[in-house]
């Protein structure tokens, strides 16, 4: 009986030790930042993903990688301590059209498979139409008729 209790205590301790480590939780819903509909000339394209280390060990972001060169992410240079927050800045180049980009964050987090988590940006970039006041407006009836 003592052996069984000792074995159960050892197994319980092993499972609790495995659950420890750094954990990453992003503040954005669905790990997505929505730019909305924005104009190219009035927005810098810079957005920030905030996250929290909800684990009990320092969180180390080892790499942050975008799916294309039009999106440039930057990662924290120092470990994020347990209970503290960090940020990943993402700069989109503001090319006109829809925005649908994925950024992969690699870390030592134990709560995501392989320490990798995908974060996303979405939205649409518009270009303001320039009005040429010298162009003849359509639909105006001239007095010459």
N, C-alpha and C. Protein backbone atom coordinates (compact mmCIF):
# COMPACT_ATOMS: atom_id res chain seq x y z
N UNK A 1 0.82 -1.20 0.00
CA UNK A 1 0.00 0.00 0.00
C UNK A 1 0.87 1.26 0.00
N UNK A 2 1.94 1.24 0.77
CA UNK A 2 2.84 2.39 0.82
C UNK A 2 3.47 2.64 -0.53
N UNK A 3 3.78 1.55 -1.24
CA UNK A 3 4.39 1.69 -2.56
C UNK A 3 3.41 2.35 -3.53
N UNK A 4 2.14 1.98 -3.45
CA UNK A 4 1.12 2.56 -4.33
C UNK A 4 0.95 4.05 -4.06
N UNK A 5 0.91 4.45 -2.82
CA UNK A 5 0.79 5.87 -2.46
C UNK A 5 2.03 6.63 -2.92
N UNK A 6 3.19 6.05 -2.72
CA UNK A 6 4.43 6.67 -3.15
C UNK A 6 4.46 6.82 -4.68
N UNK A 7 4.01 5.81 -5.39
CA UNK A 7 3.97 5.85 -6.85
C UNK A 7 2.99 6.94 -7.33
N UNK A 8 1.83 7.02 -6.73
CA UNK A 8 0.85 8.05 -7.10
C UNK A 8 1.38 9.45 -6.80
N UNK A 9 2.07 9.62 -5.70
CA UNK A 9 2.66 10.92 -5.37
C UNK A 9 3.73 11.28 -6.38
N UNK A 10 4.55 10.33 -6.78
CA UNK A 10 5.60 10.58 -7.77
C UNK A 10 4.99 10.96 -9.11
N UNK A 11 3.97 10.25 -9.57
CA UNK A 11 3.30 10.55 -10.85
C UNK A 11 2.65 11.93 -10.79
N UNK A 12 2.00 12.25 -9.69
CA UNK A 12 1.40 13.58 -9.53
C UNK A 12 2.42 14.69 -9.58
N UNK A 13 3.56 14.48 -8.94
CA UNK A 13 4.64 15.46 -8.97
C UNK A 13 5.20 15.62 -10.38
N UNK A 14 5.34 14.52 -11.10
CA UNK A 14 5.88 14.56 -12.47
C UNK A 14 4.96 15.36 -13.38
N UNK A 15 3.66 15.17 -13.24
CA UNK A 15 2.71 15.92 -14.08
C UNK A 15 2.70 17.40 -13.73
N UNK A 16 2.81 17.72 -12.45
CA UNK A 16 2.82 19.14 -12.08
C UNK A 16 4.10 19.82 -12.54
N UNK A 17 5.21 19.11 -12.55
CA UNK A 17 6.47 19.69 -13.02
C UNK A 17 6.42 19.93 -14.53
N UNK A 18 5.76 19.06 -15.27
CA UNK A 18 5.68 19.20 -16.72
C UNK A 18 4.82 20.40 -17.11
N UNK A 19 3.90 20.80 -16.27
CA UNK A 19 3.00 21.91 -16.59
C UNK A 19 3.64 23.26 -16.35
N UNK A 20 4.83 23.26 -15.75
CA UNK A 20 5.50 24.52 -15.44
C UNK A 20 6.30 25.02 -16.63
N UNK A 21 6.52 26.31 -16.67
CA UNK A 21 7.31 26.91 -17.73
C UNK A 21 6.70 28.22 -18.17
N UNK A 22 7.27 28.80 -19.20
CA UNK A 22 6.77 30.06 -19.74
C UNK A 22 5.50 29.80 -20.55
N UNK A 23 4.56 30.73 -20.48
CA UNK A 23 3.32 30.63 -21.24
C UNK A 23 3.03 31.99 -21.87
N UNK A 24 2.60 31.97 -23.13
CA UNK A 24 2.32 33.22 -23.83
C UNK A 24 0.82 33.33 -24.10
N UNK A 25 0.27 34.48 -23.76
CA UNK A 25 -1.15 34.77 -24.00
C UNK A 25 -1.24 36.14 -24.65
N UNK A 26 -1.74 36.20 -25.89
CA UNK A 26 -1.89 37.48 -26.58
C UNK A 26 -3.18 38.16 -26.16
N UNK A 27 -3.16 39.49 -26.07
CA UNK A 27 -4.31 40.27 -25.63
C UNK A 27 -5.35 40.43 -26.75
N UNK A 28 -4.91 40.42 -28.01
CA UNK A 28 -5.81 40.63 -29.15
C UNK A 28 -6.71 39.41 -29.33
N UNK A 29 -7.99 39.67 -29.61
CA UNK A 29 -8.94 38.61 -29.85
C UNK A 29 -8.48 37.78 -31.05
N UNK A 30 -8.47 36.47 -30.90
CA UNK A 30 -8.05 35.53 -31.95
C UNK A 30 -6.62 35.80 -32.43
N UNK A 31 -5.80 36.44 -31.60
CA UNK A 31 -4.42 36.79 -31.96
C UNK A 31 -4.36 37.62 -33.24
N UNK A 32 -5.37 38.45 -33.47
CA UNK A 32 -5.47 39.23 -34.70
C UNK A 32 -5.63 40.71 -34.39
N UNK A 33 -4.88 41.54 -35.13
CA UNK A 33 -5.05 42.98 -35.06
C UNK A 33 -5.71 43.41 -36.36
N UNK A 34 -6.85 44.09 -36.24
CA UNK A 34 -7.62 44.54 -37.40
C UNK A 34 -7.31 46.01 -37.66
N UNK A 35 -6.69 46.28 -38.79
CA UNK A 35 -6.40 47.66 -39.18
C UNK A 35 -7.68 48.39 -39.55
N UNK A 36 -8.71 47.65 -39.93
CA UNK A 36 -9.94 48.28 -40.42
C UNK A 36 -9.69 48.81 -41.82
N UNK A 37 -10.51 49.76 -42.24
CA UNK A 37 -10.32 50.41 -43.54
C UNK A 37 -9.54 51.70 -43.29
N UNK A 38 -8.36 51.78 -43.87
CA UNK A 38 -7.47 52.91 -43.62
C UNK A 38 -6.97 53.48 -44.94
N UNK A 39 -6.51 54.72 -44.88
CA UNK A 39 -5.95 55.37 -46.07
C UNK A 39 -4.43 55.35 -45.99
N UNK A 40 -3.84 55.06 -47.13
CA UNK A 40 -2.39 54.91 -47.23
C UNK A 40 -1.62 56.13 -46.71
N UNK A 41 -2.05 57.32 -47.08
CA UNK A 41 -1.29 58.52 -46.74
C UNK A 41 -1.52 59.02 -45.31
N UNK A 42 -2.47 58.45 -44.60
CA UNK A 42 -2.78 58.96 -43.27
C UNK A 42 -2.47 57.96 -42.15
N UNK A 43 -1.85 56.83 -42.47
CA UNK A 43 -1.56 55.80 -41.48
C UNK A 43 -0.14 55.29 -41.68
N UNK A 44 0.58 55.10 -40.60
CA UNK A 44 1.97 54.64 -40.69
C UNK A 44 2.09 53.15 -40.95
N UNK A 45 1.02 52.40 -40.68
CA UNK A 45 1.07 50.95 -40.85
C UNK A 45 1.64 50.20 -39.66
N UNK A 46 1.96 50.91 -38.58
CA UNK A 46 2.55 50.29 -37.39
C UNK A 46 1.45 49.89 -36.41
N UNK A 47 1.49 48.63 -35.98
CA UNK A 47 0.57 48.12 -34.97
C UNK A 47 1.35 47.32 -33.96
N UNK A 48 0.77 47.13 -32.76
CA UNK A 48 1.45 46.43 -31.68
C UNK A 48 0.58 45.29 -31.17
N UNK A 49 1.20 44.13 -31.06
CA UNK A 49 0.58 42.97 -30.41
C UNK A 49 1.12 42.92 -28.99
N UNK A 50 0.23 42.97 -28.01
CA UNK A 50 0.65 42.84 -26.61
C UNK A 50 0.38 41.43 -26.14
N UNK A 51 1.27 40.91 -25.32
CA UNK A 51 1.11 39.58 -24.77
C UNK A 51 1.57 39.57 -23.32
N UNK A 52 1.17 38.51 -22.62
CA UNK A 52 1.54 38.38 -21.21
C UNK A 52 2.14 36.99 -21.00
N UNK A 53 3.16 36.93 -20.16
CA UNK A 53 3.73 35.66 -19.75
C UNK A 53 2.93 35.19 -18.53
N UNK A 54 2.04 34.22 -18.76
CA UNK A 54 1.19 33.71 -17.69
C UNK A 54 1.80 32.47 -17.02
N UNK A 55 3.03 32.15 -17.39
CA UNK A 55 3.70 31.00 -16.79
C UNK A 55 4.52 31.38 -15.58
N UNK A 56 5.39 30.46 -15.19
CA UNK A 56 6.20 30.69 -14.00
C UNK A 56 7.70 30.68 -14.31
N UNK A 57 8.05 30.86 -15.59
CA UNK A 57 9.45 30.93 -16.01
C UNK A 57 9.58 32.08 -17.02
N UNK A 58 10.77 32.62 -17.21
CA UNK A 58 10.94 33.69 -18.20
C UNK A 58 10.56 33.22 -19.61
N UNK A 59 9.84 34.08 -20.32
CA UNK A 59 9.42 33.80 -21.70
C UNK A 59 10.45 34.42 -22.64
N UNK A 60 11.00 33.61 -23.51
CA UNK A 60 12.00 34.08 -24.45
C UNK A 60 11.44 33.96 -25.87
N UNK A 61 11.30 35.10 -26.55
CA UNK A 61 10.87 35.11 -27.95
C UNK A 61 12.14 34.94 -28.78
N UNK A 62 12.26 33.82 -29.45
CA UNK A 62 13.50 33.53 -30.20
C UNK A 62 13.45 34.03 -31.63
N UNK A 63 12.26 34.11 -32.22
CA UNK A 63 12.15 34.55 -33.61
C UNK A 63 10.73 35.03 -33.88
N UNK A 64 10.62 36.04 -34.75
CA UNK A 64 9.32 36.52 -35.22
C UNK A 64 9.48 36.68 -36.72
N UNK A 65 8.64 35.97 -37.48
CA UNK A 65 8.82 35.90 -38.92
C UNK A 65 7.51 36.13 -39.65
N UNK A 66 7.56 36.94 -40.70
CA UNK A 66 6.38 37.26 -41.50
C UNK A 66 6.32 36.37 -42.73
N UNK A 67 5.12 36.28 -43.32
CA UNK A 67 4.94 35.48 -44.53
C UNK A 67 5.43 36.21 -45.78
N UNK A 68 5.67 37.53 -45.68
CA UNK A 68 6.16 38.26 -46.86
C UNK A 68 6.98 39.47 -46.41
N UNK A 69 7.68 40.08 -47.35
CA UNK A 69 8.52 41.23 -47.05
C UNK A 69 7.75 42.51 -46.83
N UNK A 70 6.45 42.51 -47.10
CA UNK A 70 5.64 43.72 -46.93
C UNK A 70 5.28 43.96 -45.47
N UNK A 71 5.55 42.99 -44.60
CA UNK A 71 5.23 43.07 -43.18
C UNK A 71 6.51 42.82 -42.40
N UNK A 72 6.92 43.81 -41.60
CA UNK A 72 8.17 43.68 -40.85
C UNK A 72 7.87 43.68 -39.35
N UNK A 73 8.06 42.52 -38.69
CA UNK A 73 7.84 42.46 -37.25
C UNK A 73 9.14 42.69 -36.48
N UNK A 74 9.01 43.13 -35.23
CA UNK A 74 10.17 43.25 -34.35
C UNK A 74 9.85 42.55 -33.03
N UNK A 75 10.84 41.88 -32.47
CA UNK A 75 10.61 41.08 -31.27
C UNK A 75 11.29 41.70 -30.05
N UNK A 76 10.84 41.34 -28.87
CA UNK A 76 11.51 41.81 -27.65
C UNK A 76 12.94 41.26 -27.59
N UNK A 77 13.85 42.06 -27.08
CA UNK A 77 15.24 41.63 -27.00
C UNK A 77 15.56 40.98 -25.66
N UNK A 78 14.74 41.24 -24.66
CA UNK A 78 14.95 40.69 -23.32
C UNK A 78 13.85 39.68 -22.99
N UNK A 79 14.13 38.70 -22.12
CA UNK A 79 13.08 37.78 -21.68
C UNK A 79 11.95 38.53 -20.97
N UNK A 80 10.73 38.01 -21.11
CA UNK A 80 9.57 38.58 -20.42
C UNK A 80 9.34 37.72 -19.18
N UNK A 81 9.44 38.36 -18.04
CA UNK A 81 9.36 37.64 -16.78
C UNK A 81 7.91 37.21 -16.48
N UNK A 82 7.72 36.19 -15.63
CA UNK A 82 6.38 35.73 -15.30
C UNK A 82 5.50 36.87 -14.77
N UNK A 83 4.27 36.94 -15.30
CA UNK A 83 3.32 37.97 -14.89
C UNK A 83 3.49 39.30 -15.60
N UNK A 84 4.54 39.46 -16.38
CA UNK A 84 4.81 40.72 -17.08
C UNK A 84 4.30 40.65 -18.51
N UNK A 85 4.18 41.83 -19.13
CA UNK A 85 3.72 41.91 -20.52
C UNK A 85 4.87 42.31 -21.43
N UNK A 86 4.70 41.97 -22.68
CA UNK A 86 5.67 42.33 -23.71
C UNK A 86 4.92 42.75 -24.96
N UNK A 87 5.67 43.14 -25.99
CA UNK A 87 5.00 43.55 -27.22
C UNK A 87 5.82 43.17 -28.44
N UNK A 88 5.09 42.96 -29.51
CA UNK A 88 5.67 42.71 -30.82
C UNK A 88 5.10 43.76 -31.75
N UNK A 89 5.97 44.61 -32.30
CA UNK A 89 5.53 45.63 -33.24
C UNK A 89 5.54 45.05 -34.65
N UNK A 90 4.52 45.41 -35.43
CA UNK A 90 4.42 44.96 -36.81
C UNK A 90 4.21 46.19 -37.68
N UNK A 91 5.04 46.32 -38.72
CA UNK A 91 4.94 47.45 -39.65
C UNK A 91 4.55 46.90 -41.02
N UNK A 92 3.38 47.32 -41.49
CA UNK A 92 2.90 46.92 -42.82
C UNK A 92 3.24 48.04 -43.79
N UNK A 93 3.60 47.71 -45.04
CA UNK A 93 4.07 48.72 -45.99
C UNK A 93 2.96 49.54 -46.64
N UNK A 94 1.72 49.30 -46.30
CA UNK A 94 0.57 50.09 -46.74
C UNK A 94 0.32 50.01 -48.24
N UNK A 95 0.56 48.86 -48.84
CA UNK A 95 0.19 48.64 -50.23
C UNK A 95 -1.33 48.65 -50.33
N UNK A 96 -1.89 49.37 -51.32
CA UNK A 96 -3.35 49.42 -51.46
C UNK A 96 -3.94 48.03 -51.69
N UNK A 97 -5.09 47.81 -51.06
CA UNK A 97 -5.79 46.54 -51.20
C UNK A 97 -6.01 45.89 -49.85
N UNK A 98 -6.53 44.66 -49.88
CA UNK A 98 -6.80 43.95 -48.62
C UNK A 98 -5.51 43.53 -47.92
N UNK A 99 -5.56 43.50 -46.59
CA UNK A 99 -4.44 43.04 -45.77
C UNK A 99 -4.85 41.71 -45.15
N UNK A 100 -4.08 40.68 -45.40
CA UNK A 100 -4.27 39.37 -44.78
C UNK A 100 -2.89 38.75 -44.63
N UNK A 101 -2.24 38.98 -43.50
CA UNK A 101 -0.87 38.51 -43.29
C UNK A 101 -0.77 37.75 -41.98
N UNK A 102 0.13 36.77 -41.96
CA UNK A 102 0.38 35.96 -40.77
C UNK A 102 1.84 36.12 -40.36
N UNK A 103 2.04 36.26 -39.06
CA UNK A 103 3.37 36.38 -38.47
C UNK A 103 3.52 35.21 -37.50
N UNK A 104 4.63 34.48 -37.60
CA UNK A 104 4.87 33.35 -36.71
C UNK A 104 5.82 33.77 -35.60
N UNK A 105 5.39 33.53 -34.36
CA UNK A 105 6.18 33.85 -33.18
C UNK A 105 6.73 32.54 -32.61
N UNK A 106 8.05 32.46 -32.49
CA UNK A 106 8.69 31.27 -31.92
C UNK A 106 9.24 31.63 -30.54
N UNK A 107 8.96 30.74 -29.57
CA UNK A 107 9.35 31.04 -28.19
C UNK A 107 9.57 29.74 -27.42
N UNK A 108 9.84 29.88 -26.14
CA UNK A 108 9.96 28.73 -25.26
C UNK A 108 8.65 28.46 -24.51
N UNK A 109 7.54 29.01 -24.99
CA UNK A 109 6.24 28.83 -24.33
C UNK A 109 5.80 27.37 -24.39
N UNK A 110 5.32 26.86 -23.26
CA UNK A 110 4.90 25.47 -23.17
C UNK A 110 3.41 25.30 -23.47
N UNK A 111 2.66 26.39 -23.58
CA UNK A 111 1.22 26.28 -23.79
C UNK A 111 0.83 26.32 -25.27
N UNK A 112 1.80 26.42 -26.18
CA UNK A 112 1.52 26.37 -27.62
C UNK A 112 2.42 25.31 -28.23
N UNK A 113 1.91 24.61 -29.22
CA UNK A 113 2.63 23.49 -29.82
C UNK A 113 3.97 23.92 -30.41
N UNK A 114 5.02 23.31 -29.95
CA UNK A 114 6.36 23.60 -30.44
C UNK A 114 6.86 24.99 -30.10
N UNK A 115 6.17 25.68 -29.20
CA UNK A 115 6.55 27.05 -28.85
C UNK A 115 6.19 28.06 -29.92
N UNK A 116 5.42 27.66 -30.93
CA UNK A 116 5.06 28.55 -32.04
C UNK A 116 3.59 28.96 -31.96
N UNK A 117 3.36 30.23 -32.24
CA UNK A 117 1.99 30.74 -32.29
C UNK A 117 1.90 31.72 -33.46
N UNK A 118 0.77 31.65 -34.18
CA UNK A 118 0.54 32.55 -35.32
C UNK A 118 -0.26 33.76 -34.85
N UNK A 119 0.20 34.94 -35.25
CA UNK A 119 -0.57 36.16 -35.04
C UNK A 119 -0.87 36.73 -36.42
N UNK A 120 -1.96 37.49 -36.53
CA UNK A 120 -2.40 37.92 -37.85
C UNK A 120 -2.77 39.39 -37.87
N UNK A 121 -2.62 39.99 -39.06
CA UNK A 121 -3.14 41.33 -39.28
C UNK A 121 -4.12 41.25 -40.44
N UNK A 122 -5.13 42.11 -40.38
CA UNK A 122 -6.11 42.15 -41.45
C UNK A 122 -6.62 43.57 -41.59
N UNK A 123 -7.26 43.84 -42.71
CA UNK A 123 -7.82 45.16 -42.97
C UNK A 123 -7.82 45.47 -44.44
N UNK A 124 -7.95 46.75 -44.77
CA UNK A 124 -7.91 47.17 -46.16
C UNK A 124 -7.31 48.56 -46.25
N UNK A 125 -6.39 48.73 -47.21
CA UNK A 125 -5.74 50.01 -47.43
C UNK A 125 -6.33 50.64 -48.68
N UNK A 126 -6.79 51.87 -48.52
CA UNK A 126 -7.35 52.63 -49.65
C UNK A 126 -6.43 53.79 -49.99
N UNK A 127 -6.57 54.27 -51.21
CA UNK A 127 -5.84 55.46 -51.65
C UNK A 127 -6.88 56.54 -51.88
N UNK A 128 -6.65 57.71 -51.29
CA UNK A 128 -7.59 58.82 -51.48
C UNK A 128 -7.56 59.26 -52.93
N UNK A 129 -8.75 59.46 -53.47
CA UNK A 129 -8.84 59.95 -54.84
C UNK A 129 -8.50 61.42 -54.87
N UNK A 130 -7.66 61.78 -55.82
CA UNK A 130 -7.32 63.18 -55.97
C UNK A 130 -8.30 63.81 -56.96
N UNK A 131 -8.84 64.94 -56.59
CA UNK A 131 -9.80 65.63 -57.44
C UNK A 131 -9.05 66.72 -58.20
N UNK A 132 -9.17 66.68 -59.51
CA UNK A 132 -8.55 67.68 -60.36
C UNK A 132 -9.60 68.74 -60.67
N UNK A 133 -9.42 69.92 -60.13
CA UNK A 133 -10.44 70.97 -60.30
C UNK A 133 -10.45 71.51 -61.72
N UNK A 134 -9.46 71.18 -62.51
CA UNK A 134 -9.41 71.66 -63.89
C UNK A 134 -10.19 70.76 -64.84
N UNK A 135 -10.51 69.52 -64.37
CA UNK A 135 -11.28 68.62 -65.23
C UNK A 135 -12.71 69.11 -65.34
N UNK A 136 -13.28 68.94 -66.52
CA UNK A 136 -14.67 69.32 -66.74
C UNK A 136 -15.55 68.30 -66.02
N UNK A 137 -16.45 68.79 -65.21
CA UNK A 137 -17.32 67.91 -64.46
C UNK A 137 -18.43 67.39 -65.37
N UNK A 138 -18.70 66.12 -65.23
CA UNK A 138 -19.76 65.49 -66.00
C UNK A 138 -21.10 65.81 -65.36
N UNK A 139 -22.13 65.92 -66.18
CA UNK A 139 -23.48 66.08 -65.66
C UNK A 139 -23.86 67.55 -65.43
N UNK A 140 -22.97 68.46 -65.67
CA UNK A 140 -23.30 69.88 -65.49
C UNK A 140 -23.75 70.42 -66.84
N UNK A 141 -24.89 71.05 -66.84
CA UNK A 141 -25.42 71.61 -68.08
C UNK A 141 -24.82 72.99 -68.28
N UNK A 142 -24.24 73.18 -69.44
CA UNK A 142 -23.63 74.48 -69.68
C UNK A 142 -24.67 75.45 -70.21
N UNK A 143 -24.42 76.72 -70.09
CA UNK A 143 -25.36 77.75 -70.54
C UNK A 143 -25.27 77.97 -72.04
N UNK A 144 -24.35 77.26 -72.71
CA UNK A 144 -24.18 77.40 -74.15
C UNK A 144 -25.27 76.68 -74.93
N UNK A 145 -26.01 75.82 -74.33
CA UNK A 145 -27.02 75.03 -75.06
C UNK A 145 -28.24 75.80 -75.34
